[in-house]
Amino acid sequence: MGADGDVIEITFTTEKVQNFDNTTKTIPIYPIINECFKNWRNKNLSGGGRIKRFVNIVIMTA
């Protein structure tokens, strides 16, 4: 989906999300209903932070 943040507006056909980098993205409602998503509300309420990084791990076998 490409959206990772707080929902700021919902209409009948779209949902507007403010990402953690303060960009906004408008996405259709259909993927929200049919795909998995993560609720970050507890992170925001606790005052914690989130670091999102990709790490490549190469496993060498003998």
PDB file of N, CA and C in Angstrom:
ATOM      1  N   MET A   1       0.819  -1.197   0.000  1.00  0.00           N
ATOM      2  CA  MET A   1       0.000   0.000   0.000  1.00  0.00           C
ATOM      3  C   MET A   1       0.860   1.257   0.000  1.00  0.00           C
ATOM      4  N   GLY A   2       1.982   1.235   0.679  1.00  0.00           N
ATOM      5  CA  GLY A   2       2.830   2.409   0.712  1.00  0.00           C
ATOM      6  C   GLY A   2       2.415   3.439   1.737  1.00  0.00           C
ATOM      7  N   ALA A   3       1.466   3.102   2.587  1.00  0.00           N
ATOM      8  CA  ALA A   3       1.037   4.017   3.631  1.00  0.00           C
ATOM      9  C   ALA A   3       1.487   3.464   4.968  1.00  0.00           C
ATOM     10  N   ASP A   4       2.089   4.307   5.786  1.00  0.00           N
ATOM     11  CA  ASP A   4       2.630   3.862   7.064  1.00  0.00           C
ATOM     12  C   ASP A   4       2.557   5.030   8.030  1.00  0.00           C
ATOM     13  N   GLY A   5       1.399   5.223   8.677  1.00  0.00           N
ATOM     14  CA  GLY A   5       1.252   6.358   9.573  1.00  0.00           C
ATOM     15  C   GLY A   5      -0.146   6.446  10.146  1.00  0.00           C
ATOM     16  N   ASP A   6      -0.606   7.663  10.385  1.00  0.00           N
ATOM     17  CA  ASP A   6      -1.902   7.911  11.013  1.00  0.00           C
ATOM     18  C   ASP A   6      -2.960   8.231   9.964  1.00  0.00           C
ATOM     19  N   VAL A   7      -4.150   7.652  10.140  1.00  0.00           N
ATOM     20  CA  VAL A   7      -5.278   7.970   9.264  1.00  0.00           C
ATOM     21  C   VAL A   7      -5.798   9.340   9.653  1.00  0.00           C
ATOM     22  N   ILE A   8      -5.892  10.244   8.677  1.00  0.00           N
ATOM     23  CA  ILE A   8      -6.363  11.595   8.984  1.00  0.00           C
ATOM     24  C   ILE A   8      -7.706  11.905   8.345  1.00  0.00           C
ATOM     25  N   GLU A   9      -8.137  11.085   7.367  1.00  0.00           N
ATOM     26  CA  GLU A   9      -9.432  11.320   6.733  1.00  0.00           C
ATOM     27  C   GLU A   9      -9.910  10.034   6.060  1.00  0.00           C
ATOM     28  N   ILE A  10     -11.213   9.743   6.214  1.00  0.00           N
ATOM     29  CA  ILE A  10     -11.813   8.587   5.558  1.00  0.00           C
ATOM     30  C   ILE A  10     -13.061   9.061   4.822  1.00  0.00           C
ATOM     31  N   THR A  11     -13.166   8.685   3.538  1.00  0.00           N
ATOM     32  CA  THR A  11     -14.376   8.943   2.761  1.00  0.00           C
ATOM     33  C   THR A  11     -14.943   7.595   2.335  1.00  0.00           C
ATOM     34  N   PHE A  12     -15.996   7.616   1.515  1.00  0.00           N
ATOM     35  CA  PHE A  12     -16.596   6.362   1.058  1.00  0.00           C
ATOM     36  C   PHE A  12     -15.655   5.569   0.164  1.00  0.00           C
ATOM     37  N   THR A  13     -14.774   6.231  -0.561  1.00  0.00           N
ATOM     38  CA  THR A  13     -13.939   5.525  -1.533  1.00  0.00           C
ATOM     39  C   THR A  13     -12.448   5.581  -1.230  1.00  0.00           C
ATOM     40  N   THR A  14     -12.001   6.528  -0.408  1.00  0.00           N
ATOM     41  CA  THR A  14     -10.567   6.666  -0.154  1.00  0.00           C
ATOM     42  C   THR A  14     -10.283   6.907   1.322  1.00  0.00           C
ATOM     43  N   GLU A  15      -9.021   6.748   1.646  1.00  0.00           N
ATOM     44  CA  GLU A  15      -8.532   7.007   2.998  1.00  0.00           C
ATOM     45  C   GLU A  15      -7.233   7.797   2.864  1.00  0.00           C
ATOM     46  N   LYS A  16      -7.094   8.863   3.640  1.00  0.00           N
ATOM     47  CA  LYS A  16      -5.876   9.672   3.594  1.00  0.00           C
ATOM     48  C   LYS A  16      -5.046   9.371   4.832  1.00  0.00           C
ATOM     49  N   VAL A  17      -3.765   9.030   4.603  1.00  0.00           N
ATOM     50  CA  VAL A  17      -2.855   8.643   5.678  1.00  0.00           C
ATOM     51  C   VAL A  17      -1.684   9.612   5.707  1.00  0.00           C
ATOM     52  N   GLN A  18      -1.357  10.097   6.908  1.00  0.00           N
ATOM     53  CA  GLN A  18      -0.155  10.918   7.079  1.00  0.00           C
ATOM     54  C   GLN A  18       0.946   9.996   7.565  1.00  0.00           C
ATOM     55  N   ASN A  19       1.967   9.829   6.719  1.00  0.00           N
ATOM     56  CA  ASN A  19       3.082   8.940   7.035  1.00  0.00           C
ATOM     57  C   ASN A  19       3.943   9.537   8.138  1.00  0.00           C
ATOM     58  N   PHE A  20       4.815   8.708   8.707  1.00  0.00           N
ATOM     59  CA  PHE A  20       5.663   9.168   9.803  1.00  0.00           C
ATOM     60  C   PHE A  20       6.693  10.201   9.363  1.00  0.00           C
ATOM     61  N   ASP A  21       6.950  10.295   8.045  1.00  0.00           N
ATOM     62  CA  ASP A  21       7.847  11.342   7.540  1.00  0.00           C
ATOM     63  C   ASP A  21       7.071  12.592   7.115  1.00  0.00           C
ATOM     64  N   ASN A  22       5.812  12.718   7.572  1.00  0.00           N
ATOM     65  CA  ASN A  22       4.913  13.860   7.345  1.00  0.00           C
ATOM     66  C   ASN A  22       4.463  14.026   5.902  1.00  0.00           C
ATOM     67  N   THR A  23       4.616  13.007   5.063  1.00  0.00           N
ATOM     68  CA  THR A  23       4.005  13.032   3.746  1.00  0.00           C
ATOM     69  C   THR A  23       2.612  12.425   3.859  1.00  0.00           C
ATOM     70  N   THR A  24       1.724  12.771   2.937  1.00  0.00           N
ATOM     71  CA  THR A  24       0.384  12.192   2.957  1.00  0.00           C
ATOM     72  C   THR A  24       0.178  11.336   1.720  1.00  0.00           C
ATOM     73  N   LYS A  25      -0.621  10.300   1.896  1.00  0.00           N
ATOM     74  CA  LYS A  25      -0.929   9.395   0.795  1.00  0.00           C
ATOM     75  C   LYS A  25      -2.415   9.081   0.838  1.00  0.00           C
ATOM     76  N   THR A  26      -3.064   9.149  -0.308  1.00  0.00           N
ATOM     77  CA  THR A  26      -4.469   8.796  -0.419  1.00  0.00           C
ATOM     78  C   THR A  26      -4.554   7.427  -1.075  1.00  0.00           C
ATOM     79  N   ILE A  27      -5.242   6.507  -0.407  1.00  0.00           N
ATOM     80  CA  ILE A  27      -5.346   5.148  -0.915  1.00  0.00           C
ATOM     81  C   ILE A  27      -6.813   4.748  -0.970  1.00  0.00           C
ATOM     82  N   PRO A  28      -7.177   3.845  -1.888  1.00  0.00           N
ATOM     83  CA  PRO A  28      -8.569   3.380  -1.949  1.00  0.00           C
ATOM     84  C   PRO A  28      -8.909   2.513  -0.738  1.00  0.00           C
ATOM     85  N   ILE A  29     -10.178   2.424  -0.419  1.00  0.00           N
ATOM     86  CA  ILE A  29     -10.637   1.650   0.735  1.00  0.00           C
ATOM     87  C   ILE A  29     -10.489   0.148   0.502  1.00  0.00           C
ATOM     88  N   TYR A  30     -10.648  -0.312  -0.733  1.00  0.00           N
ATOM     89  CA  TYR A  30     -10.643  -1.746  -1.020  1.00  0.00           C
ATOM     90  C   TYR A  30      -9.420  -2.487  -0.466  1.00  0.00           C
ATOM     91  N   PRO A  31      -8.171  -2.005  -0.665  1.00  0.00           N
ATOM     92  CA  PRO A  31      -7.025  -2.732  -0.091  1.00  0.00           C
ATOM     93  C   PRO A  31      -7.036  -2.768   1.441  1.00  0.00           C
ATOM     94  N   ILE A  32      -7.599  -1.764   2.083  1.00  0.00           N
ATOM     95  CA  ILE A  32      -7.658  -1.737   3.556  1.00  0.00           C
ATOM     96  C   ILE A  32      -8.526  -2.895   4.050  1.00  0.00           C
ATOM     97  N   ILE A  33      -9.580  -3.184   3.324  1.00  0.00           N
ATOM     98  CA  ILE A  33     -10.499  -4.247   3.738  1.00  0.00           C
ATOM     99  C   ILE A  33      -9.895  -5.622   3.479  1.00  0.00           C
ATOM    100  N   ASN A  34      -9.135  -5.768   2.401  1.00  0.00           N
ATOM    101  CA  ASN A  34      -8.671  -7.081   1.973  1.00  0.00           C
ATOM    102  C   ASN A  34      -7.225  -7.409   2.316  1.00  0.00           C
ATOM    103  N   GLU A  35      -6.470  -6.498   2.893  1.00  0.00           N
ATOM    104  CA  GLU A  35      -5.071  -6.760   3.229  1.00  0.00           C
ATOM    105  C   GLU A  35      -4.849  -6.581   4.724  1.00  0.00           C
ATOM    106  N   CYS A  36      -3.728  -7.099   5.216  1.00  0.00           N
ATOM    107  CA  CYS A  36      -3.360  -6.936   6.610  1.00  0.00           C
ATOM    108  C   CYS A  36      -2.739  -5.558   6.815  1.00  0.00           C
ATOM    109  N   PHE A  37      -2.915  -5.017   7.994  1.00  0.00           N
ATOM    110  CA  PHE A  37      -2.268  -3.762   8.338  1.00  0.00           C
ATOM    111  C   PHE A  37      -1.924  -3.784   9.807  1.00  0.00           C
ATOM    112  N   LYS A  38      -1.012  -2.910  10.215  1.00  0.00           N
ATOM    113  CA  LYS A  38      -0.544  -2.859  11.589  1.00  0.00           C
ATOM    114  C   LYS A  38      -1.041  -1.576  12.244  1.00  0.00           C
ATOM    115  N   ASN A  39      -1.551  -1.693  13.459  1.00  0.00           N
ATOM    116  CA  ASN A  39      -2.054  -0.550  14.201  1.00  0.00           C
ATOM    117  C   ASN A  39      -0.928  -0.025  15.107  1.00  0.00           C
ATOM    118  N   TRP A  40      -0.451   1.193  14.812  1.00  0.00           N
ATOM    119  CA  TRP A  40       0.663   1.780  15.571  1.00  0.00           C
ATOM    120  C   TRP A  40       0.172   2.704  16.694  1.00  0.00           C
ATOM    121  N   ARG A  41      -1.108   2.663  17.041  1.00  0.00           N
ATOM    122  CA  ARG A  41      -1.663   3.585  18.036  1.00  0.00           C
ATOM    123  C   ARG A  41      -0.956   3.467  19.389  1.00  0.00           C
ATOM    124  N   ASN A  42      -0.677   2.253  19.849  1.00  0.00           N
ATOM    125  CA  ASN A  42      -0.014   2.077  21.148  1.00  0.00           C
ATOM    126  C   ASN A  42       1.377   2.694  21.158  1.00  0.00           C
ATOM    127  N   LYS A  43       2.078   2.652  20.031  1.00  0.00           N
ATOM    128  CA  LYS A  43       3.398   3.281  19.937  1.00  0.00           C
ATOM    129  C   LYS A  43       3.278   4.784  20.156  1.00  0.00           C
ATOM    130  N   ASN A  44       2.286   5.380  19.536  1.00  0.00           N
ATOM    131  CA  ASN A  44       2.090   6.824  19.681  1.00  0.00           C
ATOM    132  C   ASN A  44       1.666   7.197  21.100  1.00  0.00           C
ATOM    133  N   LEU A  45       0.808   6.397  21.711  1.00  0.00           N
ATOM    134  CA  LEU A  45       0.333   6.697  23.064  1.00  0.00           C
ATOM    135  C   LEU A  45       1.438   6.547  24.103  1.00  0.00           C
ATOM    136  N   SER A  46       2.356   5.611  23.889  1.00  0.00           N
ATOM    137  CA  SER A  46       3.404   5.384  24.874  1.00  0.00           C
ATOM    138  C   SER A  46       4.550   6.383  24.745  1.00  0.00           C
ATOM    139  N   GLY A  47       4.571   7.144  23.648  1.00  0.00           N
ATOM    140  CA  GLY A  47       5.651   8.107  23.449  1.00  0.00           C
ATOM    141  C   GLY A  47       6.909   7.473  22.900  1.00  0.00           C
ATOM    142  N   GLY A  48       6.815   6.201  22.521  1.00  0.00           N
ATOM    143  CA  GLY A  48       7.974   5.492  21.979  1.00  0.00           C
ATOM    144  C   GLY A  48       8.238   5.873  20.537  1.00  0.00           C
ATOM    145  N   GLY A  49       9.348   5.419  20.062  1.00  0.00           N
ATOM    146  CA  GLY A  49       9.711   5.685  18.674  1.00  0.00           C
ATOM    147  C   GLY A  49       9.798   4.405  17.889  1.00  0.00           C
ATOM    148  N   ARG A  50       9.995   4.544  16.602  1.00  0.00           N
ATOM    149  CA  ARG A  50      10.119   3.383  15.750  1.00  0.00           C
ATOM    150  C   ARG A  50      11.214   3.647  14.742  1.00  0.00           C
ATOM    151  N   ILE A  51      12.097   2.689  14.599  1.00  0.00           N
ATOM    152  CA  ILE A  51      13.165   2.785  13.618  1.00  0.00           C
ATOM    153  C   ILE A  51      12.900   1.716  12.571  1.00  0.00           C
ATOM    154  N   LYS A  52      12.826   2.129  11.329  1.00  0.00           N
ATOM    155  CA  LYS A  52      12.544   1.190  10.253  1.00  0.00           C
ATOM    156  C   LYS A  52      13.761   1.118   9.350  1.00  0.00           C
ATOM    157  N   ARG A  53      14.455  -0.015   9.379  1.00  0.00           N
ATOM    158  CA  ARG A  53      15.661  -0.213   8.586  1.00  0.00           C
ATOM    159  C   ARG A  53      15.610  -1.596   7.949  1.00  0.00           C
ATOM    160  N   PHE A  54      16.235  -1.725   6.800  1.00  0.00           N
ATOM    161  CA  PHE A  54      16.386  -3.014   6.148  1.00  0.00           C
ATOM    162  C   PHE A  54      17.813  -3.486   6.381  1.00  0.00           C
ATOM    163  N   VAL A  55      17.966  -4.731   6.769  1.00  0.00           N
ATOM    164  CA  VAL A  55      19.278  -5.294   7.019  1.00  0.00           C
ATOM    165  C   VAL A  55      19.419  -6.567   6.188  1.00  0.00           C
ATOM    166  N   ASN A  56      20.429  -6.595   5.352  1.00  0.00           N
ATOM    167  CA  ASN A  56      20.703  -7.810   4.574  1.00  0.00           C
ATOM    168  C   ASN A  56      21.666  -8.683   5.362  1.00  0.00           C
ATOM    169  N   ILE A  57      21.303  -9.953   5.528  1.00  0.00           N
ATOM    170  CA  ILE A  57      22.151 -10.901   6.244  1.00  0.00           C
ATOM    171  C   ILE A  57      22.541 -12.006   5.265  1.00  0.00           C
ATOM    172  N   VAL A  58      23.836 -12.190   5.086  1.00  0.00           N
ATOM    173  CA  VAL A  58      24.348 -13.224   4.191  1.00  0.00           C
ATOM    174  C   VAL A  58      24.840 -14.381   5.056  1.00  0.00           C
ATOM    175  N   ILE A  59      24.307 -15.554   4.804  1.00  0.00           N
ATOM    176  CA  ILE A  59      24.707 -16.735   5.571  1.00  0.00           C
ATOM    177  C   ILE A  59      25.610 -17.581   4.684  1.00  0.00           C
ATOM    178  N   MET A  60      26.816 -17.798   5.164  1.00  0.00           N
ATOM    179  CA  MET A  60      27.809 -18.592   4.433  1.00  0.00           C
ATOM    180  C   MET A  60      27.786 -20.007   4.987  1.00  0.00           C
ATOM    181  N   THR A  61      27.654 -20.987   4.126  1.00  0.00           N
ATOM    182  CA  THR A  61      27.703 -22.372   4.578  1.00  0.00           C
ATOM    183  C   THR A  61      28.997 -23.011   4.089  1.00  0.00           C
ATOM    184  N   ALA A  62      29.520 -23.919   4.889  1.00  0.00           N
ATOM    185  CA  ALA A  62      30.798 -24.553   4.552  1.00  0.00           C
ATOM    186  C   ALA A  62      30.604 -25.778   3.705  1.00  0.00           C
TER     187      ALA A  62
END
